[in-house]
Amino acid sequence: IDWQATLTSFDPGGWTLNYGNAASAAYLNAFLAFGPGGPTELSVNPGTMDLSVGDIQGAIIYGGTSPYTVSSSDPSVATVTLSNDTLSVTAVGAGGATITVMDDFGASTYIDVVVTQPLAASPENVSFYPGQTATVTISGGAPGYSAASGNPSVASVSVSGDTLTLFAVGGGTITVTITDTADNHAYVSVTVGD
């Protein structure tokens, strides 16, 4: 840290310091409290979070000087709570938010949070007959969807964008698994009549 402080007077009864700026003051106070090494650098792990609505993820604060404070730039997207050196982020709504962690000397570090809607399929249940097709709309998750049929001799599948197309082949009941690029899954129950 580039800081400036001058010792303006010294006598056995005490001494006075003039600070160049607030950051200099915080650094020098830390120096006086902790010695030449000062406190360790404030950091948090992980520094990024990719969550779905409803997810809760923890993070650990390292270094700096407790007590810590935490805040969210957008509580409608993510909220945060703190217990000692552990924080917990709850995904509330889709969007982006920044979690700020600040220590007692004003040092800060951040967590970038991206929240998406959970991966979903609509409808979740499909019934049809051999030779027919049906479509399912995929939403949420991390776009870039793929799908796998539980048994291609009952129903085969293809995905284009956010549309899953089902092709009825033969009688039976299967599950079609939809996967996004973050390896989240959604399921469709498919029944093909005889």
N, C-alpha and C. Protein backbone atom coordinates (compact mmCIF):
# COMPACT_ATOMS: atom_id res chain seq x y z
N ILE A 1 0.86 -1.19 0.00
CA ILE A 1 0.00 0.00 0.00
C ILE A 1 0.89 1.23 0.00
N ASP A 2 0.60 2.19 -0.84
CA ASP A 2 1.34 3.44 -0.89
C ASP A 2 0.72 4.37 0.14
N TRP A 3 1.40 4.59 1.25
CA TRP A 3 0.82 5.44 2.28
C TRP A 3 1.84 6.48 2.73
N GLN A 4 1.28 7.55 3.25
CA GLN A 4 2.13 8.63 3.74
C GLN A 4 1.68 8.99 5.14
N ALA A 5 2.63 9.05 6.05
CA ALA A 5 2.33 9.52 7.39
C ALA A 5 3.60 10.17 7.93
N THR A 6 3.46 11.27 8.58
CA THR A 6 4.63 11.93 9.12
C THR A 6 4.51 12.03 10.63
N LEU A 7 5.62 11.76 11.29
CA LEU A 7 5.68 11.91 12.73
C LEU A 7 5.95 13.38 13.01
N THR A 8 4.94 14.08 13.49
CA THR A 8 5.08 15.53 13.63
C THR A 8 5.68 15.94 14.97
N SER A 9 5.56 15.11 15.95
CA SER A 9 6.18 15.45 17.23
C SER A 9 6.34 14.18 18.05
N PHE A 10 7.27 14.17 18.92
CA PHE A 10 7.45 13.01 19.79
C PHE A 10 7.99 13.49 21.12
N ASP A 11 7.43 13.03 22.17
CA ASP A 11 7.97 13.28 23.50
C ASP A 11 7.59 12.09 24.36
N PRO A 12 8.16 11.96 25.50
CA PRO A 12 7.86 10.77 26.33
C PRO A 12 6.39 10.59 26.62
N GLY A 13 5.61 11.67 26.54
CA GLY A 13 4.19 11.56 26.84
C GLY A 13 3.35 11.08 25.68
N GLY A 14 3.92 11.00 24.47
CA GLY A 14 3.13 10.53 23.32
C GLY A 14 3.60 11.16 22.03
N TRP A 15 2.90 10.86 20.94
CA TRP A 15 3.30 11.36 19.64
C TRP A 15 2.07 11.54 18.77
N THR A 16 2.20 12.28 17.70
CA THR A 16 1.09 12.62 16.83
C THR A 16 1.44 12.23 15.39
N LEU A 17 0.47 11.67 14.66
CA LEU A 17 0.67 11.30 13.26
C LEU A 17 -0.32 12.05 12.39
N ASN A 18 0.15 12.51 11.23
CA ASN A 18 -0.74 13.07 10.21
C ASN A 18 -0.80 12.08 9.07
N TYR A 19 -2.01 11.70 8.64
CA TYR A 19 -2.19 10.73 7.59
C TYR A 19 -2.42 11.41 6.24
N GLY A 20 -1.90 10.77 5.17
CA GLY A 20 -2.14 11.30 3.82
C GLY A 20 -3.57 11.06 3.37
N ASN A 21 -4.17 9.93 3.78
CA ASN A 21 -5.55 9.60 3.40
C ASN A 21 -6.08 8.50 4.31
N ALA A 22 -7.36 8.14 4.13
CA ALA A 22 -7.99 7.15 5.01
C ALA A 22 -7.33 5.78 4.89
N ALA A 23 -6.94 5.40 3.67
CA ALA A 23 -6.29 4.10 3.48
C ALA A 23 -4.97 4.06 4.24
N SER A 24 -4.24 5.18 4.22
CA SER A 24 -2.98 5.24 4.96
C SER A 24 -3.23 5.08 6.45
N ALA A 25 -4.29 5.72 6.93
CA ALA A 25 -4.62 5.62 8.34
C ALA A 25 -4.93 4.18 8.72
N ALA A 26 -5.73 3.49 7.89
CA ALA A 26 -6.09 2.10 8.19
C ALA A 26 -4.85 1.22 8.20
N TYR A 27 -3.96 1.43 7.22
CA TYR A 27 -2.76 0.61 7.15
C TYR A 27 -1.86 0.86 8.36
N LEU A 28 -1.67 2.13 8.72
CA LEU A 28 -0.79 2.44 9.84
C LEU A 28 -1.38 1.94 11.16
N ASN A 29 -2.69 2.06 11.32
CA ASN A 29 -3.32 1.53 12.52
C ASN A 29 -3.09 0.02 12.62
N ALA A 30 -3.19 -0.67 11.47
CA ALA A 30 -2.94 -2.11 11.46
C ALA A 30 -1.49 -2.39 11.80
N PHE A 31 -0.57 -1.55 11.29
CA PHE A 31 0.85 -1.72 11.59
C PHE A 31 1.09 -1.61 13.09
N LEU A 32 0.47 -0.60 13.69
CA LEU A 32 0.65 -0.39 15.12
C LEU A 32 0.05 -1.52 15.94
N ALA A 33 -1.08 -2.08 15.44
CA ALA A 33 -1.75 -3.16 16.17
C ALA A 33 -1.07 -4.50 16.00
N PHE A 34 -0.52 -4.76 14.80
CA PHE A 34 -0.04 -6.11 14.49
C PHE A 34 1.47 -6.20 14.24
N GLY A 35 2.17 -5.06 14.18
CA GLY A 35 3.60 -5.12 13.90
C GLY A 35 3.87 -4.96 12.42
N PRO A 36 5.14 -5.08 12.00
CA PRO A 36 5.52 -4.80 10.61
C PRO A 36 4.77 -5.62 9.57
N GLY A 37 4.35 -6.84 9.91
CA GLY A 37 3.63 -7.66 8.94
C GLY A 37 2.20 -7.22 8.74
N GLY A 38 1.67 -6.48 9.70
CA GLY A 38 0.27 -6.09 9.64
C GLY A 38 -0.63 -7.32 9.63
N PRO A 39 -1.93 -7.15 9.48
CA PRO A 39 -2.82 -8.30 9.36
C PRO A 39 -2.64 -8.93 7.98
N THR A 40 -3.03 -10.19 7.85
CA THR A 40 -2.97 -10.81 6.53
C THR A 40 -4.04 -10.21 5.64
N GLU A 41 -3.82 -10.29 4.34
CA GLU A 41 -4.74 -9.69 3.38
C GLU A 41 -6.13 -10.31 3.49
N LEU A 42 -7.15 -9.48 3.42
CA LEU A 42 -8.53 -9.94 3.49
C LEU A 42 -8.90 -10.63 2.18
N SER A 43 -9.47 -11.82 2.28
CA SER A 43 -9.93 -12.54 1.09
C SER A 43 -11.11 -13.41 1.48
N VAL A 44 -11.80 -13.91 0.46
CA VAL A 44 -12.94 -14.79 0.69
C VAL A 44 -12.91 -15.88 -0.37
N ASN A 45 -13.32 -17.08 0.04
CA ASN A 45 -13.33 -18.22 -0.88
C ASN A 45 -14.65 -18.97 -0.75
N PRO A 46 -15.39 -19.16 -1.86
CA PRO A 46 -15.03 -18.79 -3.23
C PRO A 46 -15.29 -17.31 -3.51
N GLY A 47 -14.69 -16.83 -4.61
CA GLY A 47 -14.87 -15.44 -5.01
C GLY A 47 -15.98 -15.24 -6.03
N THR A 48 -16.51 -16.35 -6.56
CA THR A 48 -17.65 -16.30 -7.48
C THR A 48 -18.62 -17.41 -7.12
N MET A 49 -19.89 -17.19 -7.39
CA MET A 49 -20.93 -18.19 -7.16
C MET A 49 -21.91 -18.17 -8.32
N ASP A 50 -22.18 -19.36 -8.87
CA ASP A 50 -23.23 -19.54 -9.88
C ASP A 50 -24.32 -20.38 -9.23
N LEU A 51 -25.47 -19.76 -8.94
CA LEU A 51 -26.52 -20.40 -8.18
C LEU A 51 -27.83 -20.42 -8.94
N SER A 52 -28.70 -21.34 -8.54
CA SER A 52 -30.09 -21.34 -8.99
C SER A 52 -30.95 -20.78 -7.87
N VAL A 53 -32.09 -20.22 -8.22
CA VAL A 53 -32.99 -19.68 -7.21
C VAL A 53 -33.28 -20.75 -6.16
N GLY A 54 -33.13 -20.36 -4.90
CA GLY A 54 -33.35 -21.30 -3.79
C GLY A 54 -32.08 -21.93 -3.25
N ASP A 55 -30.99 -21.86 -4.01
CA ASP A 55 -29.72 -22.42 -3.54
C ASP A 55 -29.17 -21.59 -2.39
N ILE A 56 -28.41 -22.26 -1.52
CA ILE A 56 -27.68 -21.60 -0.44
C ILE A 56 -26.24 -22.09 -0.51
N GLN A 57 -25.28 -21.16 -0.53
CA GLN A 57 -23.87 -21.55 -0.59
C GLN A 57 -23.09 -20.77 0.44
N GLY A 58 -22.14 -21.44 1.07
CA GLY A 58 -21.30 -20.81 2.08
C GLY A 58 -19.97 -20.35 1.50
N ALA A 59 -19.30 -19.48 2.25
CA ALA A 59 -17.96 -19.01 1.90
C ALA A 59 -17.22 -18.70 3.19
N ILE A 60 -15.90 -18.80 3.12
CA ILE A 60 -15.05 -18.57 4.29
C ILE A 60 -14.24 -17.29 4.07
N ILE A 61 -14.19 -16.46 5.13
CA ILE A 61 -13.40 -15.23 5.09
C ILE A 61 -12.03 -15.54 5.70
N TYR A 62 -10.99 -15.08 5.01
CA TYR A 62 -9.62 -15.27 5.49
C TYR A 62 -8.95 -13.91 5.69
N GLY A 63 -8.10 -13.83 6.71
CA GLY A 63 -7.28 -12.65 6.92
C GLY A 63 -8.07 -11.45 7.37
N GLY A 64 -7.49 -10.28 7.12
CA GLY A 64 -8.13 -9.06 7.58
C GLY A 64 -8.20 -9.01 9.10
N THR A 65 -9.06 -8.16 9.59
CA THR A 65 -9.22 -7.98 11.03
C THR A 65 -10.69 -8.05 11.38
N SER A 66 -11.08 -9.03 12.19
CA SER A 66 -12.47 -9.13 12.60
C SER A 66 -12.76 -8.02 13.62
N PRO A 67 -14.02 -7.64 13.84
CA PRO A 67 -15.20 -8.28 13.24
C PRO A 67 -15.41 -7.84 11.79
N TYR A 68 -16.09 -8.71 11.04
CA TYR A 68 -16.39 -8.46 9.63
C TYR A 68 -17.84 -8.01 9.49
N THR A 69 -18.11 -7.33 8.39
CA THR A 69 -19.49 -7.03 8.00
C THR A 69 -19.68 -7.47 6.56
N VAL A 70 -20.92 -7.83 6.21
CA VAL A 70 -21.23 -8.26 4.86
C VAL A 70 -22.49 -7.57 4.37
N SER A 71 -22.56 -7.38 3.04
CA SER A 71 -23.76 -6.78 2.46
C SER A 71 -23.91 -7.25 1.03
N SER A 72 -25.14 -7.17 0.51
CA SER A 72 -25.45 -7.55 -0.86
C SER A 72 -25.82 -6.30 -1.65
N SER A 73 -25.32 -6.21 -2.89
CA SER A 73 -25.67 -5.06 -3.73
C SER A 73 -27.11 -5.13 -4.19
N ASP A 74 -27.73 -6.32 -4.18
CA ASP A 74 -29.11 -6.47 -4.62
C ASP A 74 -29.78 -7.62 -3.86
N PRO A 75 -30.40 -7.32 -2.72
CA PRO A 75 -31.05 -8.38 -1.93
C PRO A 75 -32.19 -9.09 -2.64
N SER A 76 -32.70 -8.52 -3.76
CA SER A 76 -33.74 -9.23 -4.51
C SER A 76 -33.14 -10.36 -5.33
N VAL A 77 -31.82 -10.36 -5.48
CA VAL A 77 -31.12 -11.43 -6.20
C VAL A 77 -30.46 -12.38 -5.22
N ALA A 78 -29.73 -11.84 -4.22
CA ALA A 78 -29.03 -12.68 -3.25
C ALA A 78 -28.94 -11.97 -1.92
N THR A 79 -29.20 -12.70 -0.85
CA THR A 79 -29.04 -12.18 0.50
C THR A 79 -27.84 -12.86 1.14
N VAL A 80 -27.30 -12.25 2.18
CA VAL A 80 -26.11 -12.80 2.83
C VAL A 80 -26.22 -12.64 4.34
N THR A 81 -25.79 -13.68 5.06
CA THR A 81 -25.71 -13.64 6.52
C THR A 81 -24.30 -14.02 6.93
N LEU A 82 -23.92 -13.63 8.14
CA LEU A 82 -22.56 -13.83 8.63
C LEU A 82 -22.56 -14.46 10.00
N SER A 83 -21.68 -15.43 10.20
CA SER A 83 -21.44 -16.02 11.52
C SER A 83 -19.93 -16.19 11.67
N ASN A 84 -19.33 -15.34 12.48
CA ASN A 84 -17.87 -15.31 12.68
C ASN A 84 -17.16 -15.09 11.35
N ASP A 85 -16.42 -16.09 10.84
CA ASP A 85 -15.71 -15.92 9.57
C ASP A 85 -16.36 -16.70 8.44
N THR A 86 -17.61 -17.09 8.63
CA THR A 86 -18.33 -17.85 7.61
C THR A 86 -19.57 -17.08 7.19
N LEU A 87 -19.74 -16.92 5.87
CA LEU A 87 -20.95 -16.26 5.39
C LEU A 87 -21.77 -17.24 4.57
N SER A 88 -23.05 -16.95 4.46
CA SER A 88 -23.98 -17.81 3.73
C SER A 88 -24.77 -16.94 2.76
N VAL A 89 -24.74 -17.31 1.47
CA VAL A 89 -25.44 -16.57 0.43
C VAL A 89 -26.66 -17.37 -0.01
N THR A 90 -27.82 -16.73 -0.02
CA THR A 90 -29.07 -17.36 -0.46
C THR A 90 -29.52 -16.73 -1.77
N ALA A 91 -29.73 -17.55 -2.78
CA ALA A 91 -30.19 -17.07 -4.09
C ALA A 91 -31.69 -16.83 -4.03
N VAL A 92 -32.11 -15.59 -4.27
CA VAL A 92 -33.51 -15.19 -4.13
C VAL A 92 -34.20 -15.05 -5.49
N GLY A 93 -33.55 -14.41 -6.44
CA GLY A 93 -34.15 -14.19 -7.76
C GLY A 93 -33.08 -14.13 -8.83
N ALA A 94 -33.51 -14.30 -10.07
CA ALA A 94 -32.55 -14.32 -11.17
C ALA A 94 -31.89 -12.96 -11.34
N GLY A 95 -30.58 -12.98 -11.66
CA GLY A 95 -29.84 -11.75 -11.88
C GLY A 95 -28.43 -11.86 -11.34
N GLY A 96 -27.80 -10.71 -11.16
CA GLY A 96 -26.44 -10.66 -10.64
C GLY A 96 -26.37 -9.76 -9.43
N ALA A 97 -25.49 -10.09 -8.50
CA ALA A 97 -25.29 -9.28 -7.30
C ALA A 97 -23.84 -9.41 -6.86
N THR A 98 -23.39 -8.42 -6.11
CA THR A 98 -22.04 -8.45 -5.54
C THR A 98 -22.16 -8.47 -4.03
N ILE A 99 -21.52 -9.46 -3.41
CA ILE A 99 -21.46 -9.53 -1.96
C ILE A 99 -20.17 -8.84 -1.52
N THR A 100 -20.29 -7.84 -0.65
CA THR A 100 -19.12 -7.12 -0.14
C THR A 100 -18.82 -7.59 1.27
N VAL A 101 -17.55 -7.94 1.50
CA VAL A 101 -17.07 -8.32 2.82
C VAL A 101 -16.09 -7.24 3.27
N MET A 102 -16.32 -6.67 4.45
CA MET A 102 -15.45 -5.60 4.95
C MET A 102 -14.95 -5.96 6.33
N ASP A 103 -13.67 -5.65 6.58
CA ASP A 103 -13.14 -5.95 7.91
C ASP A 103 -13.17 -4.70 8.78
N ASP A 104 -12.66 -4.82 10.00
CA ASP A 104 -12.76 -3.75 10.99
C ASP A 104 -11.95 -2.52 10.61
N PHE A 105 -10.93 -2.68 9.72
CA PHE A 105 -10.13 -1.55 9.29
C PHE A 105 -10.60 -0.96 7.97
N GLY A 106 -11.70 -1.48 7.42
CA GLY A 106 -12.25 -0.94 6.18
C GLY A 106 -11.75 -1.60 4.92
N ALA A 107 -10.88 -2.62 5.05
CA ALA A 107 -10.46 -3.38 3.86
C ALA A 107 -11.67 -4.17 3.36
N SER A 108 -11.76 -4.37 2.05
CA SER A 108 -12.92 -5.08 1.52
C SER A 108 -12.51 -6.07 0.43
N THR A 109 -13.35 -7.07 0.26
CA THR A 109 -13.22 -8.04 -0.81
C THR A 109 -14.62 -8.42 -1.25
N TYR A 110 -14.75 -9.13 -2.36
CA TYR A 110 -16.06 -9.29 -2.98
C TYR A 110 -16.30 -10.71 -3.48
N ILE A 111 -17.58 -11.05 -3.57
CA ILE A 111 -18.02 -12.28 -4.22
C ILE A 111 -18.99 -11.87 -5.32
N ASP A 112 -18.72 -12.29 -6.56
CA ASP A 112 -19.64 -12.05 -7.66
C ASP A 112 -20.62 -13.21 -7.73
N VAL A 113 -21.91 -12.89 -7.66
CA VAL A 113 -22.96 -13.91 -7.63
C VAL A 113 -23.84 -13.78 -8.87
N VAL A 114 -24.05 -14.91 -9.57
CA VAL A 114 -24.99 -14.97 -10.68
C VAL A 114 -26.05 -16.00 -10.31
N VAL A 115 -27.32 -15.57 -10.38
CA VAL A 115 -28.43 -16.45 -10.01
C VAL A 115 -29.31 -16.68 -11.24
N THR A 116 -29.59 -17.94 -11.52
CA THR A 116 -30.49 -18.28 -12.62
C THR A 116 -31.71 -19.02 -12.05
N GLN A 117 -32.77 -19.03 -12.84
CA GLN A 117 -33.93 -19.83 -12.46
C GLN A 117 -33.55 -21.30 -12.55
N PRO A 118 -34.12 -22.15 -11.71
CA PRO A 118 -33.81 -23.58 -11.80
C PRO A 118 -34.18 -24.13 -13.18
N LEU A 119 -33.43 -25.13 -13.61
CA LEU A 119 -33.75 -25.80 -14.86
C LEU A 119 -35.12 -26.47 -14.73
N ALA A 120 -35.98 -26.26 -15.72
CA ALA A 120 -37.34 -26.80 -15.65
C ALA A 120 -37.82 -27.20 -17.03
N ALA A 121 -38.79 -28.10 -17.05
CA ALA A 121 -39.43 -28.54 -18.29
C ALA A 121 -40.93 -28.44 -18.14
N SER A 122 -41.59 -28.00 -19.21
CA SER A 122 -43.04 -27.87 -19.18
C SER A 122 -43.63 -28.32 -20.53
N PRO A 123 -44.52 -29.32 -20.51
CA PRO A 123 -45.02 -30.05 -19.35
C PRO A 123 -44.01 -31.09 -18.86
N GLU A 124 -44.22 -31.57 -17.64
CA GLU A 124 -43.34 -32.58 -17.06
C GLU A 124 -43.83 -34.00 -17.34
N ASN A 125 -45.06 -34.13 -17.83
CA ASN A 125 -45.63 -35.44 -18.15
C ASN A 125 -46.23 -35.38 -19.55
N VAL A 126 -45.86 -36.35 -20.37
CA VAL A 126 -46.35 -36.41 -21.75
C VAL A 126 -46.89 -37.82 -22.02
N SER A 127 -48.08 -37.87 -22.60
CA SER A 127 -48.66 -39.15 -23.04
C SER A 127 -49.07 -39.03 -24.50
N PHE A 128 -48.67 -39.98 -25.33
CA PHE A 128 -49.04 -39.98 -26.74
C PHE A 128 -48.88 -41.39 -27.30
N TYR A 129 -49.05 -41.53 -28.63
CA TYR A 129 -49.07 -42.86 -29.25
C TYR A 129 -47.99 -42.96 -30.33
N PRO A 130 -47.61 -44.20 -30.65
CA PRO A 130 -46.57 -44.38 -31.68
C PRO A 130 -46.88 -43.59 -32.95
N GLY A 131 -45.83 -42.94 -33.46
CA GLY A 131 -45.98 -42.13 -34.67
C GLY A 131 -46.25 -40.67 -34.39
N GLN A 132 -46.64 -40.35 -33.15
CA GLN A 132 -46.93 -38.95 -32.80
C GLN A 132 -45.66 -38.26 -32.27
N THR A 133 -45.70 -36.93 -32.30
CA THR A 133 -44.63 -36.12 -31.70
C THR A 133 -45.24 -35.20 -30.65
N ALA A 134 -44.41 -34.75 -29.72
CA ALA A 134 -44.82 -33.78 -28.70
C ALA A 134 -43.64 -32.88 -28.41
N THR A 135 -43.94 -31.67 -27.99
CA THR A 135 -42.87 -30.74 -27.65
C THR A 135 -42.96 -30.33 -26.18
N VAL A 136 -41.79 -30.07 -25.62
CA VAL A 136 -41.65 -29.64 -24.23
C VAL A 136 -40.78 -28.39 -24.23
N THR A 137 -41.17 -27.39 -23.46
CA THR A 137 -40.38 -26.15 -23.36
C THR A 137 -39.43 -26.24 -22.18
N ILE A 138 -38.16 -25.96 -22.44
CA ILE A 138 -37.13 -25.96 -21.40
C ILE A 138 -36.86 -24.52 -20.99
N SER A 139 -36.72 -24.29 -19.68
CA SER A 139 -36.43 -22.94 -19.21
C SER A 139 -35.46 -22.99 -18.03
N GLY A 140 -34.87 -21.83 -17.75
CA GLY A 140 -33.96 -21.71 -16.61
C GLY A 140 -32.64 -22.41 -16.83
N GLY A 141 -31.94 -22.62 -15.73
CA GLY A 141 -30.64 -23.27 -15.80
C GLY A 141 -29.65 -22.47 -16.62
N ALA A 142 -28.66 -23.17 -17.15
CA ALA A 142 -27.63 -22.55 -18.00
C ALA A 142 -27.86 -23.00 -19.42
N PRO A 143 -28.35 -22.12 -20.29
CA PRO A 143 -28.69 -22.51 -21.67
C PRO A 143 -27.55 -23.24 -22.37
N GLY A 144 -28.00 -24.09 -23.31
CA GLY A 144 -27.11 -25.03 -23.98
C GLY A 144 -27.56 -26.40 -23.53
N TYR A 145 -28.84 -26.71 -23.85
CA TYR A 145 -29.49 -27.90 -23.31
C TYR A 145 -29.25 -29.13 -24.18
N SER A 146 -29.27 -30.29 -23.52
CA SER A 146 -29.25 -31.58 -24.22
C SER A 146 -30.24 -32.48 -23.52
N ALA A 147 -30.61 -33.59 -24.19
CA ALA A 147 -31.59 -34.51 -23.60
C ALA A 147 -31.23 -35.93 -23.96
N ALA A 148 -31.60 -36.85 -23.07
CA ALA A 148 -31.35 -38.28 -23.30
C ALA A 148 -32.61 -39.05 -22.98
N SER A 149 -32.97 -39.96 -23.87
CA SER A 149 -34.13 -40.82 -23.67
C SER A 149 -33.76 -41.99 -22.78
N GLY A 150 -34.67 -42.34 -21.86
CA GLY A 150 -34.45 -43.51 -21.03
C GLY A 150 -34.52 -44.80 -21.82
N ASN A 151 -35.18 -44.77 -22.98
CA ASN A 151 -35.27 -45.94 -23.86
C ASN A 151 -35.71 -45.47 -25.24
N PRO A 152 -34.77 -45.36 -26.18
CA PRO A 152 -35.12 -44.86 -27.52
C PRO A 152 -36.11 -45.74 -28.28
N SER A 153 -36.31 -46.98 -27.85
CA SER A 153 -37.30 -47.82 -28.53
C SER A 153 -38.72 -47.46 -28.08
N VAL A 154 -38.84 -46.64 -27.02
CA VAL A 154 -40.14 -46.12 -26.58
C VAL A 154 -40.34 -44.71 -27.13
N ALA A 155 -39.34 -43.86 -26.95
CA ALA A 155 -39.42 -42.49 -27.47
C ALA A 155 -38.01 -41.97 -27.71
N SER A 156 -37.82 -41.34 -28.85
CA SER A 156 -36.55 -40.69 -29.14
C SER A 156 -36.71 -39.20 -28.92
N VAL A 157 -35.57 -38.48 -28.81
CA VAL A 157 -35.62 -37.07 -28.45
C VAL A 157 -34.66 -36.26 -29.32
N SER A 158 -34.97 -34.98 -29.46
CA SER A 158 -34.03 -34.02 -30.04
C SER A 158 -34.28 -32.67 -29.37
N VAL A 159 -33.23 -31.85 -29.33
CA VAL A 159 -33.34 -30.53 -28.70
C VAL A 159 -32.87 -29.48 -29.69
N SER A 160 -33.67 -28.41 -29.81
CA SER A 160 -33.29 -27.25 -30.60
C SER A 160 -33.59 -26.02 -29.75
N GLY A 161 -32.51 -25.32 -29.33
CA GLY A 161 -32.71 -24.15 -28.47
C GLY A 161 -33.32 -24.56 -27.15
N ASP A 162 -34.51 -24.00 -26.87
CA ASP A 162 -35.19 -24.35 -25.62
C ASP A 162 -36.40 -25.26 -25.84
N THR A 163 -36.41 -25.96 -26.98
CA THR A 163 -37.52 -26.87 -27.29
C THR A 163 -37.02 -28.31 -27.38
N LEU A 164 -37.63 -29.17 -26.60
CA LEU A 164 -37.39 -30.60 -26.65
C LEU A 164 -38.51 -31.22 -27.47
N THR A 165 -38.14 -31.99 -28.50
CA THR A 165 -39.13 -32.69 -29.31
C THR A 165 -39.04 -34.18 -29.01
N LEU A 166 -40.20 -34.77 -28.71
CA LEU A 166 -40.31 -36.19 -28.41
C LEU A 166 -40.97 -36.90 -29.58
N PHE A 167 -40.43 -38.07 -29.95
CA PHE A 167 -40.98 -38.88 -31.03
C PHE A 167 -41.39 -40.23 -30.45
N ALA A 168 -42.69 -40.53 -30.47
CA ALA A 168 -43.17 -41.80 -29.92
C ALA A 168 -42.83 -42.94 -30.87
N VAL A 169 -42.21 -44.00 -30.33
CA VAL A 169 -41.79 -45.13 -31.15
C VAL A 169 -42.59 -46.39 -30.82
N GLY A 170 -42.60 -46.78 -29.55
CA GLY A 170 -43.31 -48.00 -29.15
C GLY A 170 -43.84 -47.87 -27.74
N GLY A 171 -44.72 -48.78 -27.36
CA GLY A 171 -45.39 -48.70 -26.06
C GLY A 171 -44.43 -48.77 -24.88
N GLY A 172 -44.74 -48.02 -23.83
CA GLY A 172 -43.94 -48.06 -22.60
C GLY A 172 -43.92 -46.72 -21.91
N THR A 173 -43.29 -46.69 -20.74
CA THR A 173 -43.13 -45.46 -19.96
C THR A 173 -41.65 -45.28 -19.65
N ILE A 174 -41.14 -44.11 -19.92
CA ILE A 174 -39.73 -43.81 -19.69
C ILE A 174 -39.57 -42.43 -19.08
N THR A 175 -38.35 -42.12 -18.70
CA THR A 175 -37.99 -40.78 -18.24
C THR A 175 -36.97 -40.20 -19.21
N VAL A 176 -37.22 -38.97 -19.62
CA VAL A 176 -36.27 -38.23 -20.46
C VAL A 176 -35.54 -37.25 -19.54
N THR A 177 -34.21 -37.28 -19.62
CA THR A 177 -33.38 -36.41 -18.78
C THR A 177 -32.85 -35.25 -19.60
N ILE A 178 -33.12 -34.03 -19.11
CA ILE A 178 -32.62 -32.81 -19.73
C ILE A 178 -31.45 -32.30 -18.91
N THR A 179 -30.38 -31.93 -19.58
CA THR A 179 -29.17 -31.45 -18.90
C THR A 179 -28.77 -30.10 -19.47
N ASP A 180 -28.35 -29.17 -18.59
CA ASP A 180 -27.85 -27.89 -19.08
C ASP A 180 -26.33 -27.87 -19.02
N THR A 181 -25.72 -26.74 -19.40
CA THR A 181 -24.26 -26.69 -19.46
C THR A 181 -23.60 -26.63 -18.08
N ALA A 182 -24.39 -26.40 -17.03
CA ALA A 182 -23.86 -26.44 -15.66
C ALA A 182 -24.11 -27.79 -15.00
N ASP A 183 -24.55 -28.77 -15.80
CA ASP A 183 -24.82 -30.13 -15.33
C ASP A 183 -25.99 -30.20 -14.35
N ASN A 184 -26.95 -29.28 -14.50
CA ASN A 184 -28.22 -29.39 -13.78
C ASN A 184 -29.14 -30.28 -14.60
N HIS A 185 -30.13 -30.89 -13.94
CA HIS A 185 -31.01 -31.82 -14.63
C HIS A 185 -32.48 -31.51 -14.36
N ALA A 186 -33.30 -31.78 -15.37
CA ALA A 186 -34.75 -31.75 -15.25
C ALA A 186 -35.26 -33.01 -15.94
N TYR A 187 -36.47 -33.43 -15.59
CA TYR A 187 -36.96 -34.71 -16.06
C TYR A 187 -38.38 -34.60 -16.63
N VAL A 188 -38.64 -35.41 -17.64
CA VAL A 188 -39.97 -35.48 -18.24
C VAL A 188 -40.37 -36.95 -18.25
N SER A 189 -41.54 -37.22 -17.70
CA SER A 189 -42.09 -38.59 -17.72
C SER A 189 -42.87 -38.76 -19.02
N VAL A 190 -42.52 -39.78 -19.78
CA VAL A 190 -43.12 -40.00 -21.10
C VAL A 190 -43.80 -41.36 -21.13
N THR A 191 -45.07 -41.38 -21.51
CA THR A 191 -45.82 -42.62 -21.65
C THR A 191 -46.29 -42.72 -23.10
N VAL A 192 -45.94 -43.83 -23.73
CA VAL A 192 -46.38 -44.09 -25.10
C VAL A 192 -47.35 -45.27 -25.05
N GLY A 193 -48.60 -45.00 -25.48
CA GLY A 193 -49.61 -46.05 -25.47
C GLY A 193 -49.38 -47.07 -26.57
N ASP A 194 -49.99 -48.25 -26.41
CA ASP A 194 -49.86 -49.30 -27.43
C ASP A 194 -50.81 -49.02 -28.58
